Structures are given as structure tokens and as C-alpha cells.
Amino acid sequence: MSEETDLTEALLAAATGYGGKDGPADLWPGFLRRLAAAMGAGGISMTVTDGPSWQVGLEVTPLDAAVVARMRWDRVYSRTDLPGAEPAGPALRALRAALPGGGQVVILALRQGQDFRAVDSVRLSAFGPLTARALAGWLALRDERARTGLEAQAAAGLGLGWVLLSPALEVLALSSRAERLAEEAGLRRRADGRIESADPALARGLTRAVSAAQAGQQAGLLESASPGLRLMLQATRHLGQPALVLWLRHAPDLSASPPEKIAALFGLTRSEARLADGLSLTEAAHQLGWTIETARSCSKLIFARMGVRGQSGVLRALLTAPLWPADPDAAP
């Protein structure tokens, strides 16, 4: 494998964040080590303005912002021709490249002793702009993955999962929570990849829902043997092909929510939060060791603090809270 091919493969791996079976990772240090070896550099740093930075090998002192601002795009500078920089110090090569969509990256290569060769500058000149474009894609993927993580956390906190199916009910993909919800609903994946239900009533409902979804009709909700668990099938398209989405939602268990989280969310005391966890006054009074009168008096204070009327208002406030307080990783 040629040096250029090795560098290109390392750059592509870093840009996607995939270097093997372990999934997304920060592979930029590996690319920089290969670039340093190709240039004969003892150390390399790469810095994105208002963003991340990496350094491998010898410590490289960052350039002053005023010096960087005067550098021309995609030009390789030596220490002696950097605009306004001190010429003393180890051999240096510097490049400033624009990121598509805004921003910039500065790459600095340091070498002790002998100066860099002309071919070393050519390598930096060739891979600098490519690195900037790859970095822009990597930053976009990083941000998207972070948003996806928040979406997954929100869906888990709301008890929501999904299964993407082919029109023949073959499982194409599923969310992390869906597997547990599907098992609770009595659904299983057969050896041929199709999903089926051991519950005759749910199996019949699933068949009707498939026909309705494929006909573009509203399929409605499907009942499951598990209390609080609801399913709905919806027609969609995936990668340009017809597909189905099976939505599963397990209503949050109010009584399982830590009182501390409910108290923090609605400005209640811990005892008030335990009273506002979906129990009736009689049940709450029994659990807290209060009289019915004490529970009723405390509940009126809770209604006032939460700005609701009655226990049904408390339940609506809890179920529609923008940030559900339950632990999204907890079992439903």
C-alpha cells in the first residue's frame, strides 16, 4: 500500500468515525500520526477555530491568532515566512484551511534538527484542504449523533419505541427500547426475520393494521396483553421503498418515578411529590402514614403550586411534562 493510499484511508476513517466493529470513535489522532510519519515530523497539531483540537508526538505551540489571521488559505508556511511570527525555534510547517460552511482549521507540523524537505510540504499542501473538508463532515456527523442521542433519550423517557418493517413484516431496524417493548407486547422475530405475535387477538389486529396501513388508511391502536402498552402501525417509506413503522409506547409509571425528580420538576417538597405520583388520596395517605384530612389539605397546596385543578390536573401535568422525570434507562 502506498503512503498516499494509507493516508487517504486514514482520513476517510477519521471523517466517518468508523474504524471497526466498536462503532463511532475519534480517529483523528491516528490520521495525524500517519501524516506525521509521512512528513517525518516529530509532532503535529490540528486545531479547529472554536472547536476541538488534537496533538500527537512533540508538543506544538499554537500560533498567535493575529499570525493565523494573516496566513493565506491552503498555503504551507515555514517558520521563517510566517507573517509576523518569530523565526527562532524548531523546523515548522503550518497550513490554514477553510472549513466548508464556515470556520477554519490550522495544522502545524514540528521537526527537531533537520528542516523539512520540499516533498513534506507537498504532502501537507495536498492533504490540508482534504482534511478541512473531511473535518467539516465529521463535525456535522458528531453534532447529528449528539442530537440523535438526545432524541433517543427523550423517546426512552416517554416510553416510546419503534420497529421498521418491510411490507412483509420483516424487521429492517428497531430502536434500542423497542426490543424490550416488543417482547412485553408478545411480539417475536421469527427465524426468517418476520415479526409475529403469539397472542391471537394481537395477531389478528396486526394483520388488519397491515392491510389498513398499506391501503393508506388509519390503522388505529392495537391492544396488547401488557397493561399500559399500546401499538400502532403506520405506512412510510424507507430508502425510497415502501415500509411500515410499528410504534410502541408504554405509558410512564407515575408511582415508579423518584419523588426527588418530581419535586425538582414542579417545585414540590418530597412528601408533596409522593402525594402527586398518581395515587388516590386514600392510597397516598396509607403509604405516607397520614390521615385522609392531612392528605387532602396537602393536595390543595399541590394544586395551587402546580396551577391545576384536582387530581386529574396533576396527572395531566405529570404526563405532559416537557421533561419527563423518569429515568429513561429504567425498565417500564
C-alpha atoms as a PDB file:
ATOM      1  CA  MET A   1       0.000   0.000   0.000  1.00  0.00           C
ATOM      2  CA  SER A   2       1.406   3.401  -0.973  1.00  0.00           C
ATOM      3  CA  GLU A   3       1.866   6.181   1.551  1.00  0.00           C
ATOM      4  CA  GLU A   4      -0.801   8.317  -0.150  1.00  0.00           C
ATOM      5  CA  THR A   5      -3.291   5.429  -0.083  1.00  0.00           C
ATOM      6  CA  ASP A   6      -2.571   4.787   3.595  1.00  0.00           C
ATOM      7  CA  LEU A   7      -3.113   8.474   4.391  1.00  0.00           C
ATOM      8  CA  THR A   8      -6.302   8.602   2.353  1.00  0.00           C
ATOM      9  CA  GLU A   9      -7.769   5.554   4.097  1.00  0.00           C
ATOM     10  CA  ALA A  10      -6.873   7.001   7.499  1.00  0.00           C
ATOM     11  CA  LEU A  11      -8.502  10.300   6.508  1.00  0.00           C
ATOM     12  CA  LEU A  12     -11.714   8.565   5.375  1.00  0.00           C
ATOM     13  CA  ALA A  13     -11.855   6.522   8.580  1.00  0.00           C
ATOM     14  CA  ALA A  14     -11.420   9.662  10.690  1.00  0.00           C
ATOM     15  CA  ALA A  15     -14.052  11.564   8.688  1.00  0.00           C
ATOM     16  CA  THR A  16     -16.718   8.910   9.319  1.00  0.00           C
ATOM     17  CA  GLY A  17     -15.634   7.971  12.818  1.00  0.00           C
ATOM     18  CA  TYR A  18     -15.788   4.272  11.952  1.00  0.00           C
ATOM     19  CA  GLY A  19     -12.667   2.217  12.305  1.00  0.00           C
ATOM     20  CA  GLY A  20     -14.071  -1.197  13.154  1.00  0.00           C
ATOM     21  CA  LYS A  21     -16.775  -3.122  14.972  1.00  0.00           C
ATOM     22  CA  ASP A  22     -16.756  -0.823  18.028  1.00  0.00           C
ATOM     23  CA  GLY A  23     -18.686   1.906  16.177  1.00  0.00           C
ATOM     24  CA  PRO A  24     -18.133   5.680  16.180  1.00  0.00           C
ATOM     25  CA  ALA A  25     -14.801   6.851  17.551  1.00  0.00           C
ATOM     26  CA  ASP A  26     -12.386   9.772  17.339  1.00  0.00           C
ATOM     27  CA  LEU A  27      -9.851   8.509  14.811  1.00  0.00           C
ATOM     28  CA  TRP A  28      -8.175  11.843  14.059  1.00  0.00           C
ATOM     29  CA  PRO A  29      -5.094  11.078  16.216  1.00  0.00           C
ATOM     30  CA  GLY A  30      -4.464   8.004  14.062  1.00  0.00           C
ATOM     31  CA  PHE A  31      -4.630  10.061  10.882  1.00  0.00           C
ATOM     32  CA  LEU A  32      -2.299  12.701  12.334  1.00  0.00           C
ATOM     33  CA  ARG A  33       0.223  10.041  13.354  1.00  0.00           C
ATOM     34  CA  ARG A  34       0.270   8.758   9.760  1.00  0.00           C
ATOM     35  CA  LEU A  35       0.614  12.295   8.416  1.00  0.00           C
ATOM     36  CA  ALA A  36       3.466  12.956  10.864  1.00  0.00           C
ATOM     37  CA  ALA A  37       5.227   9.772   9.749  1.00  0.00           C
ATOM     38  CA  ALA A  38       4.776  10.686   6.078  1.00  0.00           C
ATOM     39  CA  MET A  39       6.260  14.139   6.702  1.00  0.00           C
ATOM     40  CA  GLY A  40       8.982  12.996   9.064  1.00  0.00           C
ATOM     41  CA  ALA A  41       7.507  15.264  11.750  1.00  0.00           C
ATOM     42  CA  GLY A  42       8.100  14.742  15.447  1.00  0.00           C
ATOM     43  CA  GLY A  43       4.763  16.283  16.344  1.00  0.00           C
ATOM     44  CA  ILE A  44       1.585  17.531  14.658  1.00  0.00           C
ATOM     45  CA  SER A  45      -1.302  19.585  15.977  1.00  0.00           C
ATOM     46  CA  MET A  46      -4.652  20.293  14.347  1.00  0.00           C
ATOM     47  CA  THR A  47      -6.966  22.979  15.731  1.00  0.00           C
ATOM     48  CA  VAL A  48     -10.471  23.932  14.620  1.00  0.00           C
ATOM     49  CA  THR A  49     -11.384  27.514  15.466  1.00  0.00           C
ATOM     50  CA  ASP A  50     -13.936  27.467  18.308  1.00  0.00           C
ATOM     51  CA  GLY A  51     -13.882  23.697  18.112  1.00  0.00           C
ATOM     52  CA  PRO A  52     -11.833  20.611  19.010  1.00  0.00           C
ATOM     53  CA  SER A  53      -8.080  20.233  18.703  1.00  0.00           C
ATOM     54  CA  TRP A  54      -5.705  17.276  18.513  1.00  0.00           C
ATOM     55  CA  GLN A  55      -1.984  16.836  19.034  1.00  0.00           C
ATOM     56  CA  VAL A  56       0.313  13.844  18.620  1.00  0.00           C
ATOM     57  CA  GLY A  57       4.038  13.486  19.297  1.00  0.00           C
ATOM     58  CA  LEU A  58       6.090  16.510  20.334  1.00  0.00           C
ATOM     59  CA  GLU A  59       4.153  19.378  21.883  1.00  0.00           C
ATOM     60  CA  VAL A  60       3.467  22.058  19.281  1.00  0.00           C
ATOM     61  CA  THR A  61       2.973  25.617  20.499  1.00  0.00           C
ATOM     62  CA  PRO A  62      -0.131  27.175  18.900  1.00  0.00           C
ATOM     63  CA  LEU A  63       0.327  30.205  16.687  1.00  0.00           C
ATOM     64  CA  ASP A  64      -0.927  33.576  17.801  1.00  0.00           C
ATOM     65  CA  ALA A  65      -4.403  34.369  16.440  1.00  0.00           C
ATOM     66  CA  ALA A  66      -3.063  37.516  14.751  1.00  0.00           C
ATOM     67  CA  VAL A  67      -0.484  35.427  12.871  1.00  0.00           C
ATOM     68  CA  VAL A  68      -3.098  32.880  11.782  1.00  0.00           C
ATOM     69  CA  ALA A  69      -5.405  35.657  10.556  1.00  0.00           C
ATOM     70  CA  ARG A  70      -2.692  36.893   8.153  1.00  0.00           C
ATOM     71  CA  MET A  71      -1.990  33.455   6.679  1.00  0.00           C
ATOM     72  CA  ARG A  72      -3.298  32.770   3.187  1.00  0.00           C
ATOM     73  CA  TRP A  73      -5.670  29.877   2.673  1.00  0.00           C
ATOM     74  CA  ASP A  74      -4.142  26.481   1.771  1.00  0.00           C
ATOM     75  CA  ARG A  75      -0.567  27.804   1.661  1.00  0.00           C
ATOM     76  CA  VAL A  76       2.147  25.880   3.515  1.00  0.00           C
ATOM     77  CA  TYR A  77       4.334  28.203   5.611  1.00  0.00           C
ATOM     78  CA  SER A  78       7.725  27.582   7.154  1.00  0.00           C
ATOM     79  CA  ARG A  79       8.679  29.272  10.409  1.00  0.00           C
ATOM     80  CA  THR A  80      10.714  31.905   8.594  1.00  0.00           C
ATOM     81  CA  ASP A  81       7.946  33.032   6.224  1.00  0.00           C
ATOM     82  CA  LEU A  82       5.051  33.068   8.681  1.00  0.00           C
ATOM     83  CA  PRO A  83       3.616  36.620   8.745  1.00  0.00           C
ATOM     84  CA  GLY A  84       4.718  38.324  11.947  1.00  0.00           C
ATOM     85  CA  ALA A  85       5.998  35.163  13.669  1.00  0.00           C
ATOM     86  CA  GLU A  86       9.313  34.751  15.477  1.00  0.00           C
ATOM     87  CA  PRO A  87      11.752  32.831  13.229  1.00  0.00           C
ATOM     88  CA  ALA A  88      13.556  31.103  16.141  1.00  0.00           C
ATOM     89  CA  GLY A  89      12.679  27.525  17.063  1.00  0.00           C
ATOM     90  CA  PRO A  90      12.455  24.004  15.610  1.00  0.00           C
ATOM     91  CA  ALA A  91      11.540  23.479  11.969  1.00  0.00           C
ATOM     92  CA  LEU A  92       7.856  24.153  11.423  1.00  0.00           C
ATOM     93  CA  ARG A  93       5.291  23.779   8.660  1.00  0.00           C
ATOM     94  CA  ALA A  94       1.894  25.463   9.022  1.00  0.00           C
ATOM     95  CA  LEU A  95      -1.254  25.459   6.940  1.00  0.00           C
ATOM     96  CA  ARG A  96      -4.581  27.244   7.332  1.00  0.00           C
ATOM     97  CA  ALA A  97      -7.611  25.799   5.523  1.00  0.00           C
ATOM     98  CA  ALA A  98     -11.246  26.902   5.389  1.00  0.00           C
ATOM     99  CA  LEU A  99     -13.984  24.563   6.525  1.00  0.00           C
ATOM    100  CA  PRO A 100     -16.924  24.295   4.119  1.00  0.00           C
ATOM    101  CA  GLY A 101     -19.836  26.072   5.754  1.00  0.00           C
ATOM    102  CA  GLY A 102     -17.642  28.317   7.889  1.00  0.00           C
ATOM    103  CA  GLY A 103     -14.709  28.107  10.273  1.00  0.00           C
ATOM    104  CA  GLN A 104     -11.114  27.120   9.764  1.00  0.00           C
ATOM    105  CA  VAL A 105      -8.537  24.563  10.755  1.00  0.00           C
ATOM    106  CA  VAL A 106      -4.834  25.154  11.388  1.00  0.00           C
ATOM    107  CA  ILE A 107      -2.371  22.265  11.020  1.00  0.00           C
ATOM    108  CA  LEU A 108       1.128  22.621  12.472  1.00  0.00           C
ATOM    109  CA  ALA A 109       3.956  20.112  11.976  1.00  0.00           C
ATOM    110  CA  LEU A 110       7.109  20.291  14.117  1.00  0.00           C
ATOM    111  CA  ARG A 111      10.503  18.722  13.476  1.00  0.00           C
ATOM    112  CA  GLN A 112      13.624  18.785  15.644  1.00  0.00           C
ATOM    113  CA  GLY A 113      17.011  19.139  13.994  1.00  0.00           C
ATOM    114  CA  GLN A 114      16.982  18.916  10.209  1.00  0.00           C
ATOM    115  CA  ASP A 115      14.455  21.046   8.320  1.00  0.00           C
ATOM    116  CA  PHE A 116      11.525  19.580   6.400  1.00  0.00           C
ATOM    117  CA  ARG A 117      12.034  18.550   2.792  1.00  0.00           C
ATOM    118  CA  ALA A 118      10.107  20.050  -0.102  1.00  0.00           C
ATOM    119  CA  VAL A 119       8.167  16.791  -0.522  1.00  0.00           C
ATOM    120  CA  ASP A 120       6.988  17.081   3.104  1.00  0.00           C
ATOM    121  CA  SER A 121       5.433  20.448   2.375  1.00  0.00           C
ATOM    122  CA  VAL A 122       3.803  18.977  -0.733  1.00  0.00           C
ATOM    123  CA  ARG A 123       2.124  16.282   1.377  1.00  0.00           C
ATOM    124  CA  LEU A 124       0.742  18.871   3.784  1.00  0.00           C
ATOM    125  CA  SER A 125      -0.366  21.030   0.866  1.00  0.00           C
ATOM    126  CA  ALA A 126      -2.181  18.080  -0.714  1.00  0.00           C
ATOM    127  CA  PHE A 127      -3.888  16.741   2.412  1.00  0.00           C
ATOM    128  CA  GLY A 128      -4.583  20.042   4.194  1.00  0.00           C
ATOM    129  CA  PRO A 129      -7.634  21.105   2.128  1.00  0.00           C
ATOM    130  CA  LEU A 130      -8.885  17.495   2.014  1.00  0.00           C
ATOM    131  CA  THR A 131      -8.593  17.329   5.775  1.00  0.00           C
ATOM    132  CA  ALA A 132     -10.637  20.522   6.117  1.00  0.00           C
ATOM    133  CA  ARG A 133     -13.465  19.076   4.043  1.00  0.00           C
ATOM    134  CA  ALA A 134     -13.323  15.785   5.932  1.00  0.00           C
ATOM    135  CA  LEU A 135     -13.365  17.661   9.241  1.00  0.00           C
ATOM    136  CA  ALA A 136     -16.477  19.597   8.215  1.00  0.00           C
ATOM    137  CA  GLY A 137     -18.280  16.333   7.524  1.00  0.00           C
ATOM    138  CA  TRP A 138     -17.054  14.814  10.781  1.00  0.00           C
ATOM    139  CA  LEU A 139     -18.231  17.823  12.796  1.00  0.00           C
ATOM    140  CA  ALA A 140     -21.670  17.599  11.151  1.00  0.00           C
ATOM    141  CA  LEU A 141     -21.854  13.863  11.929  1.00  0.00           C
ATOM    142  CA  ARG A 142     -20.766  14.488  15.515  1.00  0.00           C
ATOM    143  CA  ASP A 143     -23.487  17.074  16.015  1.00  0.00           C
ATOM    144  CA  GLU A 144     -26.088  14.843  14.380  1.00  0.00           C
ATOM    145  CA  ARG A 145     -25.098  11.895  16.575  1.00  0.00           C
ATOM    146  CA  ALA A 146     -25.373  14.091  19.664  1.00  0.00           C
ATOM    147  CA  ARG A 147     -28.857  15.208  18.626  1.00  0.00           C
ATOM    148  CA  THR A 148     -29.820  11.612  17.864  1.00  0.00           C
ATOM    149  CA  GLY A 149     -28.676  10.622  21.346  1.00  0.00           C
ATOM    150  CA  LEU A 150     -30.901  13.277  22.902  1.00  0.00           C
ATOM    151  CA  GLU A 151     -33.832  12.169  20.741  1.00  0.00           C
ATOM    152  CA  ALA A 152     -33.294   8.573  21.844  1.00  0.00           C
ATOM    153  CA  GLN A 153     -33.135   9.641  25.487  1.00  0.00           C
ATOM    154  CA  ALA A 154     -36.352  11.643  25.121  1.00  0.00           C
ATOM    155  CA  ALA A 155     -38.127   8.733  23.412  1.00  0.00           C
ATOM    156  CA  ALA A 156     -36.959   6.318  26.095  1.00  0.00           C
ATOM    157  CA  GLY A 157     -38.129   8.666  28.853  1.00  0.00           C
ATOM    158  CA  LEU A 158     -41.555   8.800  27.231  1.00  0.00           C
ATOM    159  CA  GLY A 159     -41.693   5.014  26.904  1.00  0.00           C
ATOM    160  CA  LEU A 160     -41.581   5.154  23.097  1.00  0.00           C
ATOM    161  CA  GLY A 161     -40.004   2.642  20.740  1.00  0.00           C
ATOM    162  CA  TRP A 162     -40.268   1.821  17.028  1.00  0.00           C
ATOM    163  CA  VAL A 163     -39.736  -1.112  14.702  1.00  0.00           C
ATOM    164  CA  LEU A 164     -39.152  -0.524  10.977  1.00  0.00           C
ATOM    165  CA  LEU A 165     -40.726  -3.290   8.927  1.00  0.00           C
ATOM    166  CA  SER A 166     -40.900  -4.310   5.296  1.00  0.00           C
ATOM    167  CA  PRO A 167     -44.403  -4.740   3.794  1.00  0.00           C
ATOM    168  CA  ALA A 168     -43.940  -8.472   4.506  1.00  0.00           C
ATOM    169  CA  LEU A 169     -43.331  -7.651   8.222  1.00  0.00           C
ATOM    170  CA  GLU A 170     -39.600  -8.363   8.052  1.00  0.00           C
ATOM    171  CA  VAL A 171     -37.701  -6.395  10.686  1.00  0.00           C
ATOM    172  CA  LEU A 172     -35.414  -3.861   8.978  1.00  0.00           C
ATOM    173  CA  ALA A 173     -34.360  -1.890  12.060  1.00  0.00           C
ATOM    174  CA  LEU A 174     -35.559  -1.094  15.537  1.00  0.00           C
ATOM    175  CA  SER A 175     -34.843   1.366  18.312  1.00  0.00           C
ATOM    176  CA  SER A 176     -32.905   0.309  21.395  1.00  0.00           C
ATOM    177  CA  ARG A 177     -36.036   0.324  23.563  1.00  0.00           C
ATOM    178  CA  ALA A 178     -38.302  -1.375  21.015  1.00  0.00           C
ATOM    179  CA  GLU A 179     -36.885  -4.848  21.541  1.00  0.00           C
ATOM    180  CA  ARG A 180     -37.887  -4.813  25.209  1.00  0.00           C
ATOM    181  CA  LEU A 181     -41.306  -3.316  24.444  1.00  0.00           C
ATOM    182  CA  ALA A 182     -41.959  -5.797  21.628  1.00  0.00           C
ATOM    183  CA  GLU A 183     -41.136  -8.690  23.940  1.00  0.00           C
ATOM    184  CA  GLU A 184     -43.517  -7.289  26.558  1.00  0.00           C
ATOM    185  CA  ALA A 185     -46.242  -6.929  23.906  1.00  0.00           C
ATOM    186  CA  GLY A 186     -45.883 -10.598  22.961  1.00  0.00           C
ATOM    187  CA  LEU A 187     -44.146  -9.968  19.629  1.00  0.00           C
ATOM    188  CA  ARG A 188     -41.181 -12.003  18.471  1.00  0.00           C
ATOM    189  CA  ARG A 189     -38.926 -12.208  15.447  1.00  0.00           C
ATOM    190  CA  ARG A 190     -39.057 -15.475  13.576  1.00  0.00           C
ATOM    191  CA  ALA A 191     -36.047 -17.205  12.054  1.00  0.00           C
ATOM    192  CA  ASP A 192     -36.889 -15.657   8.656  1.00  0.00           C
ATOM    193  CA  GLY A 193     -36.803 -12.153  10.181  1.00  0.00           C
ATOM    194  CA  ARG A 194     -40.573 -11.580  10.162  1.00  0.00           C
ATOM    195  CA  ILE A 195     -42.372 -10.369  13.254  1.00  0.00           C
ATOM    196  CA  GLU A 196     -45.324 -12.276  14.689  1.00  0.00           C
ATOM    197  CA  SER A 197     -47.460 -12.436  17.821  1.00  0.00           C
ATOM    198  CA  ALA A 198     -48.293 -15.441  19.958  1.00  0.00           C
ATOM    199  CA  ASP A 199     -51.397 -13.581  21.164  1.00  0.00           C
ATOM    200  CA  PRO A 200     -54.257 -14.441  18.718  1.00  0.00           C
ATOM    201  CA  ALA A 201     -56.064 -11.149  19.337  1.00  0.00           C
ATOM    202  CA  LEU A 202     -52.912  -9.090  18.718  1.00  0.00           C
ATOM    203  CA  ALA A 203     -52.027 -11.217  15.672  1.00  0.00           C
ATOM    204  CA  ARG A 204     -55.456 -10.527  14.141  1.00  0.00           C
ATOM    205  CA  GLY A 205     -55.171  -6.838  14.967  1.00  0.00           C
ATOM    206  CA  LEU A 206     -51.714  -6.711  13.417  1.00  0.00           C
ATOM    207  CA  THR A 207     -52.998  -8.315  10.213  1.00  0.00           C
ATOM    208  CA  ARG A 208     -55.838  -5.783   9.982  1.00  0.00           C
ATOM    209  CA  ALA A 209     -53.434  -2.936  10.718  1.00  0.00           C
ATOM    210  CA  VAL A 210     -51.078  -4.061   7.937  1.00  0.00           C
ATOM    211  CA  SER A 211     -53.912  -4.100   5.414  1.00  0.00           C
ATOM    212  CA  ALA A 212     -55.153  -0.693   6.559  1.00  0.00           C
ATOM    213  CA  ALA A 213     -51.666   0.867   6.506  1.00  0.00           C
ATOM    214  CA  GLN A 214     -50.920  -0.485   3.033  1.00  0.00           C
ATOM    215  CA  ALA A 215     -54.237   0.941   1.838  1.00  0.00           C
ATOM    216  CA  GLY A 216     -53.312   4.334   3.262  1.00  0.00           C
ATOM    217  CA  GLN A 217     -55.951   4.143   5.998  1.00  0.00           C
ATOM    218  CA  GLN A 218     -55.582   4.976   9.673  1.00  0.00           C
ATOM    219  CA  ALA A 219     -54.881   1.679  11.380  1.00  0.00           C
ATOM    220  CA  GLY A 220     -55.768   2.753  14.924  1.00  0.00           C
ATOM    221  CA  LEU A 221     -54.333   1.409  18.153  1.00  0.00           C
ATOM    222  CA  LEU A 222     -53.520  -2.230  18.826  1.00  0.00           C
ATOM    223  CA  GLU A 223     -54.117  -3.719  22.234  1.00  0.00           C
ATOM    224  CA  SER A 224     -51.529  -5.889  23.923  1.00  0.00           C
ATOM    225  CA  ALA A 225     -51.725  -8.195  26.891  1.00  0.00           C
ATOM    226  CA  SER A 226     -49.441  -5.858  28.820  1.00  0.00           C
ATOM    227  CA  PRO A 227     -51.323  -3.106  30.694  1.00  0.00           C
ATOM    228  CA  GLY A 228     -50.391   0.388  29.557  1.00  0.00           C
ATOM    229  CA  LEU A 229     -48.662  -0.773  26.379  1.00  0.00           C
ATOM    230  CA  ARG A 230     -50.137   0.434  23.081  1.00  0.00           C
ATOM    231  CA  LEU A 231     -49.097  -0.237  19.491  1.00  0.00           C
ATOM    232  CA  MET A 232     -49.830   1.459  16.179  1.00  0.00           C
ATOM    233  CA  LEU A 233     -48.782   0.571  12.645  1.00  0.00           C
ATOM    234  CA  GLN A 234     -48.126   3.281  10.072  1.00  0.00           C
ATOM    235  CA  ALA A 235     -47.145   3.174   6.404  1.00  0.00           C
ATOM    236  CA  THR A 236     -43.982   5.036   5.419  1.00  0.00           C
ATOM    237  CA  ARG A 237     -41.052   4.887   3.002  1.00  0.00           C
ATOM    238  CA  HIS A 238     -37.510   3.847   3.847  1.00  0.00           C
ATOM    239  CA  LEU A 239     -34.636   4.467   1.444  1.00  0.00           C
ATOM    240  CA  GLY A 240     -37.172   5.055  -1.298  1.00  0.00           C
ATOM    241  CA  GLN A 241     -39.018   1.778  -0.701  1.00  0.00           C
ATOM    242  CA  PRO A 242     -42.424   1.116   0.914  1.00  0.00           C
ATOM    243  CA  ALA A 243     -42.138   0.236   4.581  1.00  0.00           C
ATOM    244  CA  LEU A 244     -44.103   0.123   7.819  1.00  0.00           C
ATOM    245  CA  VAL A 245     -43.352   1.584  11.230  1.00  0.00           C
ATOM    246  CA  LEU A 246     -44.686  -0.172  14.294  1.00  0.00           C
ATOM    247  CA  TRP A 247     -44.859   2.354  17.122  1.00  0.00           C
ATOM    248  CA  LEU A 248     -44.865   1.023  20.673  1.00  0.00           C
ATOM    249  CA  ARG A 249     -45.443   3.123  23.743  1.00  0.00           C
ATOM    250  CA  HIS A 250     -45.576   2.145  27.381  1.00  0.00           C
ATOM    251  CA  ALA A 251     -47.267   4.862  29.441  1.00  0.00           C
ATOM    252  CA  PRO A 252     -44.851   6.107  32.140  1.00  0.00           C
ATOM    253  CA  ASP A 253     -45.443   4.548  35.550  1.00  0.00           C
ATOM    254  CA  LEU A 254     -46.061   7.536  37.799  1.00  0.00           C
ATOM    255  CA  SER A 255     -45.617   5.594  41.016  1.00  0.00           C
ATOM    256  CA  ALA A 256     -42.171   4.396  39.888  1.00  0.00           C
ATOM    257  CA  SER A 257     -40.862   7.935  39.333  1.00  0.00           C
ATOM    258  CA  PRO A 258     -38.358   9.060  42.002  1.00  0.00           C
ATOM    259  CA  PRO A 259     -40.069  11.676  44.209  1.00  0.00           C
ATOM    260  CA  GLU A 260     -36.922  13.822  44.117  1.00  0.00           C
ATOM    261  CA  LYS A 261     -37.241  14.285  40.348  1.00  0.00           C
ATOM    262  CA  ILE A 262     -40.937  15.150  40.509  1.00  0.00           C
ATOM    263  CA  ALA A 263     -40.234  17.561  43.364  1.00  0.00           C
ATOM    264  CA  ALA A 264     -37.473  19.318  41.410  1.00  0.00           C
ATOM    265  CA  LEU A 265     -39.563  19.496  38.243  1.00  0.00           C
ATOM    266  CA  PHE A 266     -42.642  21.061  39.841  1.00  0.00           C
ATOM    267  CA  GLY A 267     -41.181  22.857  42.856  1.00  0.00           C
ATOM    268  CA  LEU A 268     -42.692  20.496  45.434  1.00  0.00           C
ATOM    269  CA  THR A 269     -41.401  19.049  48.655  1.00  0.00           C
ATOM    270  CA  ARG A 270     -40.505  15.359  48.699  1.00  0.00           C
ATOM    271  CA  SER A 271     -43.679  14.461  50.605  1.00  0.00           C
ATOM    272  CA  GLU A 272     -45.787  16.527  48.215  1.00  0.00           C
ATOM    273  CA  ALA A 273     -44.125  14.788  45.289  1.00  0.00           C
ATOM    274  CA  ARG A 274     -45.051  11.402  46.734  1.00  0.00           C
ATOM    275  CA  LEU A 275     -48.634  12.591  47.007  1.00  0.00           C
ATOM    276  CA  ALA A 276     -48.562  13.745  43.366  1.00  0.00           C
ATOM    277  CA  ASP A 277     -47.379  10.452  41.908  1.00  0.00           C
ATOM    278  CA  GLY A 278     -50.713   9.274  40.543  1.00  0.00           C
ATOM    279  CA  LEU A 279     -52.084   7.592  43.680  1.00  0.00           C
ATOM    280  CA  SER A 280     -55.505   8.273  45.083  1.00  0.00           C
ATOM    281  CA  LEU A 281     -55.749  10.267  48.339  1.00  0.00           C
ATOM    282  CA  THR A 282     -56.549   7.095  50.268  1.00  0.00           C
ATOM    283  CA  GLU A 283     -53.587   5.209  48.782  1.00  0.00           C
ATOM    284  CA  ALA A 284     -51.211   8.133  49.302  1.00  0.00           C
ATOM    285  CA  ALA A 285     -52.349   8.690  52.885  1.00  0.00           C
ATOM    286  CA  HIS A 286     -51.802   4.995  53.632  1.00  0.00           C
ATOM    287  CA  GLN A 287     -48.299   4.986  52.124  1.00  0.00           C
ATOM    288  CA  LEU A 288     -47.267   8.219  53.844  1.00  0.00           C
ATOM    289  CA  GLY A 289     -48.869   7.379  57.181  1.00  0.00           C
ATOM    290  CA  TRP A 290     -51.132  10.433  57.017  1.00  0.00           C
ATOM    291  CA  THR A 291     -54.792  10.896  57.730  1.00  0.00           C
ATOM    292  CA  ILE A 292     -57.151  11.499  54.830  1.00  0.00           C
ATOM    293  CA  GLU A 293     -57.641  15.082  56.057  1.00  0.00           C
ATOM    294  CA  THR A 294     -53.893  15.738  56.033  1.00  0.00           C
ATOM    295  CA  ALA A 295     -53.550  14.279  52.541  1.00  0.00           C
ATOM    296  CA  ARG A 296     -56.494  16.328  51.293  1.00  0.00           C
ATOM    297  CA  SER A 297     -55.072  19.555  52.793  1.00  0.00           C
ATOM    298  CA  CYS A 298     -51.646  18.875  51.272  1.00  0.00           C
ATOM    299  CA  SER A 299     -53.194  18.075  47.903  1.00  0.00           C
ATOM    300  CA  LYS A 300     -54.798  21.530  47.784  1.00  0.00           C
ATOM    301  CA  LEU A 301     -51.358  23.085  48.253  1.00  0.00           C
ATOM    302  CA  ILE A 302     -50.056  20.900  45.432  1.00  0.00           C
ATOM    303  CA  PHE A 303     -52.863  22.001  43.105  1.00  0.00           C
ATOM    304  CA  ALA A 304     -52.008  25.646  43.798  1.00  0.00           C
ATOM    305  CA  ARG A 305     -48.259  25.172  43.246  1.00  0.00           C
ATOM    306  CA  MET A 306     -48.770  23.240  40.017  1.00  0.00           C
ATOM    307  CA  GLY A 307     -51.518  25.572  38.785  1.00  0.00           C
ATOM    308  CA  VAL A 308     -54.018  22.757  38.220  1.00  0.00           C
ATOM    309  CA  ARG A 309     -57.469  21.767  39.408  1.00  0.00           C
ATOM    310  CA  GLY A 310     -57.927  18.412  41.024  1.00  0.00           C
ATOM    311  CA  GLN A 311     -56.013  15.144  40.854  1.00  0.00           C
ATOM    312  CA  SER A 312     -56.804  14.744  37.157  1.00  0.00           C
ATOM    313  CA  GLY A 313     -54.970  18.052  36.534  1.00  0.00           C
ATOM    314  CA  VAL A 314     -51.959  16.727  38.424  1.00  0.00           C
ATOM    315  CA  LEU A 315     -51.927  13.601  36.258  1.00  0.00           C
ATOM    316  CA  ARG A 316     -52.153  15.647  33.061  1.00  0.00           C
ATOM    317  CA  ALA A 317     -49.303  17.882  34.250  1.00  0.00           C
ATOM    318  CA  LEU A 318     -47.131  14.859  35.023  1.00  0.00           C
ATOM    319  CA  LEU A 319     -47.891  13.007  31.792  1.00  0.00           C
ATOM    320  CA  THR A 320     -47.402  16.073  29.581  1.00  0.00           C
ATOM    321  CA  ALA A 321     -44.319  17.461  31.326  1.00  0.00           C
ATOM    322  CA  PRO A 322     -41.804  18.614  28.670  1.00  0.00           C
ATOM    323  CA  LEU A 323     -39.011  16.800  30.510  1.00  0.00           C
ATOM    324  CA  TRP A 324     -40.325  13.526  31.876  1.00  0.00           C
ATOM    325  CA  PRO A 325     -38.589  12.944  35.215  1.00  0.00           C
ATOM    326  CA  ALA A 326     -38.384   9.158  34.997  1.00  0.00           C
ATOM    327  CA  ASP A 327     -35.024   7.536  34.315  1.00  0.00           C
ATOM    328  CA  PRO A 328     -35.060   6.730  30.558  1.00  0.00           C
ATOM    329  CA  ASP A 329     -32.853   3.696  31.161  1.00  0.00           C
ATOM    330  CA  ALA A 330     -35.208   2.165  33.711  1.00  0.00           C
ATOM    331  CA  ALA A 331     -37.433  -0.708  32.700  1.00  0.00           C
ATOM    332  CA  PRO A 332     -41.074   0.259  32.059  1.00  0.00           C
END
